[in-house]
N, C-alpha and C. Protein backbone atom coordinates (compact mmCIF):
# COMPACT_ATOMS: atom_id res chain seq x y z
N MET A 1 59.30 -0.69 98.89
CA MET A 1 59.22 0.26 97.77
C MET A 1 57.77 0.72 97.61
N PRO A 2 57.57 2.02 97.47
CA PRO A 2 56.22 2.55 97.28
C PRO A 2 55.59 2.06 95.97
N LYS A 3 54.28 1.93 95.99
CA LYS A 3 53.51 1.56 94.80
C LYS A 3 52.76 2.78 94.30
N ILE A 4 52.77 2.94 92.98
CA ILE A 4 52.02 4.02 92.32
C ILE A 4 50.93 3.37 91.49
N THR A 5 49.71 3.89 91.62
CA THR A 5 48.60 3.43 90.81
C THR A 5 48.14 4.60 89.95
N ALA A 6 48.15 4.39 88.63
CA ALA A 6 47.75 5.44 87.69
C ALA A 6 47.33 4.81 86.38
N GLN A 7 46.32 5.33 85.77
CA GLN A 7 45.85 4.91 84.45
C GLN A 7 45.63 3.40 84.38
N GLY A 8 45.10 2.83 85.45
CA GLY A 8 44.80 1.41 85.48
C GLY A 8 46.01 0.51 85.67
N LYS A 9 47.18 1.08 85.94
CA LYS A 9 48.40 0.31 86.15
C LYS A 9 48.90 0.53 87.57
N THR A 10 49.58 -0.46 88.11
CA THR A 10 50.25 -0.32 89.41
C THR A 10 51.68 -0.78 89.24
N PHE A 11 52.61 0.01 89.75
CA PHE A 11 54.03 -0.31 89.63
C PHE A 11 54.76 0.26 90.83
N GLU A 12 55.97 -0.20 91.07
CA GLU A 12 56.77 0.24 92.20
C GLU A 12 57.85 1.22 91.75
N CYS A 13 58.32 2.00 92.73
CA CYS A 13 59.43 2.92 92.48
C CYS A 13 60.22 3.08 93.77
N PRO A 14 61.45 3.53 93.68
CA PRO A 14 62.22 3.79 94.89
C PRO A 14 61.60 4.94 95.69
N GLN A 15 61.69 4.88 97.00
CA GLN A 15 61.22 5.99 97.83
C GLN A 15 62.03 7.23 97.49
N GLY A 16 61.36 8.35 97.33
CA GLY A 16 62.01 9.61 96.97
C GLY A 16 62.10 9.85 95.48
N ALA A 17 61.60 8.91 94.66
CA ALA A 17 61.65 9.06 93.20
C ALA A 17 60.77 10.22 92.75
N ASN A 18 61.15 10.85 91.66
CA ASN A 18 60.39 11.92 91.06
C ASN A 18 59.15 11.34 90.37
N LEU A 19 57.96 11.81 90.73
CA LEU A 19 56.72 11.25 90.20
C LEU A 19 56.62 11.37 88.69
N ARG A 20 56.99 12.49 88.12
CA ARG A 20 56.93 12.67 86.66
C ARG A 20 57.78 11.62 85.96
N GLN A 21 59.00 11.45 86.40
CA GLN A 21 59.91 10.49 85.76
C GLN A 21 59.37 9.07 85.86
N VAL A 22 58.86 8.71 87.03
CA VAL A 22 58.34 7.35 87.22
C VAL A 22 57.12 7.11 86.34
N LEU A 23 56.22 8.08 86.27
CA LEU A 23 55.03 7.91 85.42
C LEU A 23 55.42 7.72 83.95
N LEU A 24 56.30 8.59 83.46
CA LEU A 24 56.72 8.50 82.06
C LEU A 24 57.47 7.19 81.78
N GLU A 25 58.33 6.78 82.69
CA GLU A 25 59.09 5.53 82.52
C GLU A 25 58.18 4.31 82.47
N ASN A 26 56.99 4.42 83.05
CA ASN A 26 56.05 3.30 83.09
C ASN A 26 54.92 3.44 82.07
N GLY A 27 55.12 4.29 81.08
CA GLY A 27 54.18 4.40 79.97
C GLY A 27 52.90 5.14 80.28
N ILE A 28 52.90 5.95 81.32
CA ILE A 28 51.72 6.74 81.66
C ILE A 28 51.77 8.04 80.87
N GLU A 29 50.70 8.33 80.12
CA GLU A 29 50.62 9.56 79.34
C GLU A 29 50.24 10.69 80.30
N LEU A 30 51.20 11.47 80.67
CA LEU A 30 51.04 12.50 81.69
C LEU A 30 50.48 13.81 81.15
N TYR A 31 50.67 14.06 79.87
CA TYR A 31 50.31 15.36 79.30
C TYR A 31 49.07 15.24 78.43
N ASN A 32 48.29 16.31 78.37
CA ASN A 32 47.08 16.36 77.56
C ASN A 32 47.38 17.08 76.24
N GLY A 33 47.02 16.44 75.14
CA GLY A 33 47.14 17.07 73.83
C GLY A 33 48.54 17.50 73.47
N ALA A 34 48.67 18.73 72.95
CA ALA A 34 49.95 19.25 72.47
C ALA A 34 50.98 19.42 73.58
N THR A 35 50.55 19.41 74.84
CA THR A 35 51.52 19.61 75.92
C THR A 35 52.48 18.43 76.06
N SER A 36 52.19 17.32 75.38
CA SER A 36 53.16 16.21 75.38
C SER A 36 54.44 16.62 74.67
N ALA A 37 54.36 17.58 73.76
CA ALA A 37 55.55 18.08 73.07
C ALA A 37 55.98 19.45 73.59
N ILE A 38 55.02 20.20 74.07
CA ILE A 38 55.30 21.56 74.53
C ILE A 38 55.12 21.61 76.04
N ASN A 39 56.18 21.32 76.78
CA ASN A 39 56.17 21.39 78.24
C ASN A 39 57.57 21.75 78.71
N CYS A 40 57.73 21.99 79.98
CA CYS A 40 59.02 22.45 80.51
C CYS A 40 59.98 21.31 80.85
N HIS A 41 59.59 20.07 80.57
CA HIS A 41 60.44 18.89 80.78
C HIS A 41 60.92 18.75 82.22
N GLY A 42 60.04 19.10 83.16
CA GLY A 42 60.33 18.86 84.56
C GLY A 42 60.92 20.02 85.33
N LEU A 43 60.93 21.21 84.77
CA LEU A 43 61.50 22.37 85.47
C LEU A 43 60.53 23.02 86.45
N GLY A 44 59.25 22.65 86.36
CA GLY A 44 58.26 23.19 87.29
C GLY A 44 57.73 24.55 86.93
N ILE A 45 57.87 24.96 85.67
CA ILE A 45 57.44 26.30 85.30
C ILE A 45 56.21 26.33 84.39
N CYS A 46 55.86 25.22 83.74
CA CYS A 46 54.72 25.28 82.82
C CYS A 46 53.41 24.84 83.48
N GLY A 47 53.45 23.90 84.39
CA GLY A 47 52.25 23.45 85.08
C GLY A 47 51.43 22.43 84.33
N THR A 48 51.92 21.89 83.22
CA THR A 48 51.12 20.96 82.42
C THR A 48 51.07 19.54 82.99
N CYS A 49 51.87 19.24 83.99
CA CYS A 49 51.89 17.89 84.58
C CYS A 49 51.08 17.83 85.87
N ALA A 50 50.13 18.75 86.05
CA ALA A 50 49.32 18.80 87.26
C ALA A 50 48.43 17.56 87.37
N VAL A 51 48.45 16.94 88.53
CA VAL A 51 47.65 15.74 88.81
C VAL A 51 47.11 15.82 90.23
N GLN A 52 46.09 15.04 90.50
CA GLN A 52 45.60 14.89 91.86
C GLN A 52 46.27 13.65 92.45
N ILE A 53 46.76 13.77 93.67
CA ILE A 53 47.51 12.68 94.29
C ILE A 53 46.87 12.32 95.63
N GLU A 54 46.65 11.03 95.82
CA GLU A 54 46.25 10.50 97.13
C GLU A 54 47.41 9.66 97.62
N GLY A 55 47.90 9.94 98.81
CA GLY A 55 49.00 9.16 99.35
C GLY A 55 50.10 10.04 99.88
N THR A 56 51.24 9.42 100.15
CA THR A 56 52.34 10.11 100.82
C THR A 56 53.38 10.59 99.82
N VAL A 57 53.49 11.91 99.70
CA VAL A 57 54.46 12.54 98.81
C VAL A 57 55.11 13.71 99.54
N SER A 58 56.14 14.27 98.93
CA SER A 58 56.83 15.43 99.48
C SER A 58 55.90 16.63 99.56
N GLU A 59 56.22 17.56 100.45
CA GLU A 59 55.47 18.81 100.55
C GLU A 59 55.85 19.71 99.37
N PRO A 60 54.91 20.51 98.88
CA PRO A 60 55.24 21.43 97.79
C PRO A 60 56.24 22.49 98.25
N GLU A 61 57.18 22.80 97.37
CA GLU A 61 58.15 23.84 97.65
C GLU A 61 57.78 25.12 96.90
N TRP A 62 58.57 26.16 97.05
CA TRP A 62 58.24 27.49 96.54
C TRP A 62 57.96 27.51 95.04
N ARG A 63 58.76 26.78 94.26
CA ARG A 63 58.57 26.81 92.80
C ARG A 63 57.20 26.27 92.41
N GLU A 64 56.85 25.15 93.01
CA GLU A 64 55.54 24.54 92.71
C GLU A 64 54.41 25.42 93.22
N ASN A 65 54.51 25.91 94.43
CA ASN A 65 53.47 26.78 94.97
C ASN A 65 53.29 28.03 94.13
N THR A 66 54.39 28.58 93.63
CA THR A 66 54.30 29.77 92.78
C THR A 66 53.54 29.45 91.51
N ARG A 67 53.89 28.35 90.83
CA ARG A 67 53.21 28.00 89.57
C ARG A 67 51.75 27.66 89.81
N ARG A 68 51.47 26.92 90.86
CA ARG A 68 50.08 26.52 91.14
C ARG A 68 49.22 27.69 91.60
N SER A 69 49.81 28.79 91.99
CA SER A 69 49.03 29.96 92.40
C SER A 69 48.67 30.87 91.23
N LEU A 70 49.19 30.56 90.04
CA LEU A 70 48.91 31.36 88.84
C LEU A 70 47.87 30.67 87.96
N PRO A 71 46.96 31.46 87.34
CA PRO A 71 45.97 30.87 86.44
C PRO A 71 46.63 30.09 85.31
N PRO A 72 46.01 29.03 84.84
CA PRO A 72 44.68 28.57 85.18
C PRO A 72 44.63 27.70 86.43
N HIS A 73 45.74 27.51 87.11
CA HIS A 73 45.75 26.73 88.34
C HIS A 73 45.23 27.54 89.51
N SER A 74 45.01 26.85 90.61
CA SER A 74 44.61 27.48 91.86
C SER A 74 45.07 26.57 92.98
N LEU A 75 45.63 27.14 94.02
CA LEU A 75 46.05 26.32 95.16
C LEU A 75 44.87 25.60 95.79
N ALA A 76 43.66 26.12 95.61
CA ALA A 76 42.47 25.49 96.16
C ALA A 76 42.08 24.21 95.42
N GLN A 77 42.61 23.99 94.21
CA GLN A 77 42.27 22.80 93.42
C GLN A 77 42.86 21.52 93.98
N ASN A 78 43.84 21.62 94.85
CA ASN A 78 44.47 20.44 95.42
C ASN A 78 45.11 19.55 94.35
N ARG A 79 45.79 20.16 93.42
CA ARG A 79 46.56 19.44 92.40
C ARG A 79 48.04 19.66 92.69
N ARG A 80 48.85 18.75 92.22
CA ARG A 80 50.30 18.86 92.39
C ARG A 80 50.97 18.76 91.03
N LEU A 81 52.15 19.33 90.90
CA LEU A 81 52.95 19.17 89.69
C LEU A 81 53.77 17.91 89.86
N ALA A 82 53.55 16.94 88.99
CA ALA A 82 54.26 15.66 89.10
C ALA A 82 55.77 15.86 89.05
N CYS A 83 56.22 16.85 88.30
CA CYS A 83 57.66 17.07 88.14
C CYS A 83 58.33 17.59 89.41
N GLN A 84 57.55 18.10 90.34
CA GLN A 84 58.10 18.67 91.56
C GLN A 84 57.76 17.82 92.79
N THR A 85 57.26 16.61 92.55
CA THR A 85 56.77 15.76 93.63
C THR A 85 57.63 14.50 93.77
N GLN A 86 58.05 14.22 94.98
CA GLN A 86 58.79 13.00 95.28
C GLN A 86 57.83 12.02 95.96
N VAL A 87 57.90 10.77 95.54
CA VAL A 87 57.05 9.71 96.07
C VAL A 87 57.67 9.20 97.38
N LEU A 88 56.91 9.28 98.46
CA LEU A 88 57.42 8.83 99.76
C LEU A 88 56.70 7.59 100.28
N GLY A 89 55.56 7.27 99.70
CA GLY A 89 54.77 6.09 100.07
C GLY A 89 53.85 5.74 98.93
N ASN A 90 52.92 4.84 99.17
CA ASN A 90 51.98 4.44 98.13
C ASN A 90 51.13 5.63 97.70
N VAL A 91 50.91 5.78 96.39
CA VAL A 91 50.11 6.89 95.88
C VAL A 91 49.18 6.42 94.76
N LYS A 92 48.07 7.14 94.65
CA LYS A 92 47.13 6.99 93.54
C LYS A 92 47.08 8.33 92.84
N VAL A 93 47.18 8.30 91.51
CA VAL A 93 47.28 9.52 90.72
C VAL A 93 46.10 9.60 89.75
N THR A 94 45.48 10.78 89.69
CA THR A 94 44.38 11.05 88.76
C THR A 94 44.74 12.26 87.91
N LYS A 95 44.51 12.15 86.60
CA LYS A 95 44.77 13.24 85.66
C LYS A 95 43.45 13.82 85.19
N PHE A 96 43.38 15.17 85.08
CA PHE A 96 42.18 15.85 84.64
C PHE A 96 42.41 16.49 83.27
N ASP A 97 41.31 16.89 82.63
CA ASP A 97 41.39 17.49 81.30
C ASP A 97 41.91 18.92 81.37
N GLY A 98 42.05 19.52 80.21
CA GLY A 98 42.62 20.87 80.10
C GLY A 98 44.11 20.77 79.81
N ALA A 99 44.64 21.75 79.12
CA ALA A 99 46.06 21.73 78.74
C ALA A 99 46.97 21.63 79.96
N TRP A 100 46.53 22.23 81.07
CA TRP A 100 47.35 22.21 82.28
C TRP A 100 46.83 21.21 83.30
N GLY A 101 45.90 20.34 82.90
CA GLY A 101 45.32 19.39 83.85
C GLY A 101 44.47 20.07 84.91
N GLN A 102 43.96 21.25 84.57
CA GLN A 102 43.22 22.05 85.52
C GLN A 102 41.71 21.84 85.42
N GLY A 103 41.27 21.02 84.48
CA GLY A 103 39.84 20.84 84.25
C GLY A 103 39.14 20.06 85.35
N THR A 104 37.89 19.71 85.08
CA THR A 104 37.09 19.00 86.07
C THR A 104 36.79 17.56 85.66
N GLN A 105 36.96 17.26 84.38
CA GLN A 105 36.69 15.90 83.90
C GLN A 105 37.97 15.07 83.98
N THR A 106 37.87 13.86 84.48
CA THR A 106 39.06 13.02 84.57
C THR A 106 39.44 12.50 83.19
N VAL A 107 40.74 12.51 82.93
CA VAL A 107 41.27 11.93 81.70
C VAL A 107 41.53 10.44 81.98
N TRP A 108 42.12 10.18 83.11
CA TRP A 108 42.30 8.82 83.60
C TRP A 108 42.34 8.85 85.11
N THR A 109 41.92 7.77 85.70
CA THR A 109 41.90 7.66 87.15
C THR A 109 42.61 6.39 87.56
N PRO A 110 43.04 6.31 88.81
CA PRO A 110 43.69 5.08 89.25
C PRO A 110 42.69 3.94 89.33
N GLN A 111 43.19 2.76 89.18
CA GLN A 111 42.38 1.56 89.33
C GLN A 111 42.12 1.38 90.82
N ARG A 112 40.92 1.15 91.21
CA ARG A 112 40.58 1.01 92.64
C ARG A 112 40.52 -0.43 93.05
């Protein structure tokens, strides 16, 4: 089973699990500020669950690429939408500031 490291915690999940669901189920605060109440609940259209991922995950599909190509996101930022990402191996997740996680300051980082 793959291991996820985020916000100083490490936990396991089934291979192919949805990253957003696994993070929320394990008490990881995925959203910044008001976006914890105002988000698309995993539909991939708001972009508020953007995180940086190190490790083996699914390739981005059209919906995610479309959202990440629109401001304030940028495909060059190398962020992924947790709601559109399947965990395929061990991963480390970092969250950044900004309503859409598009900022430069880390909100939380994985434990190393």
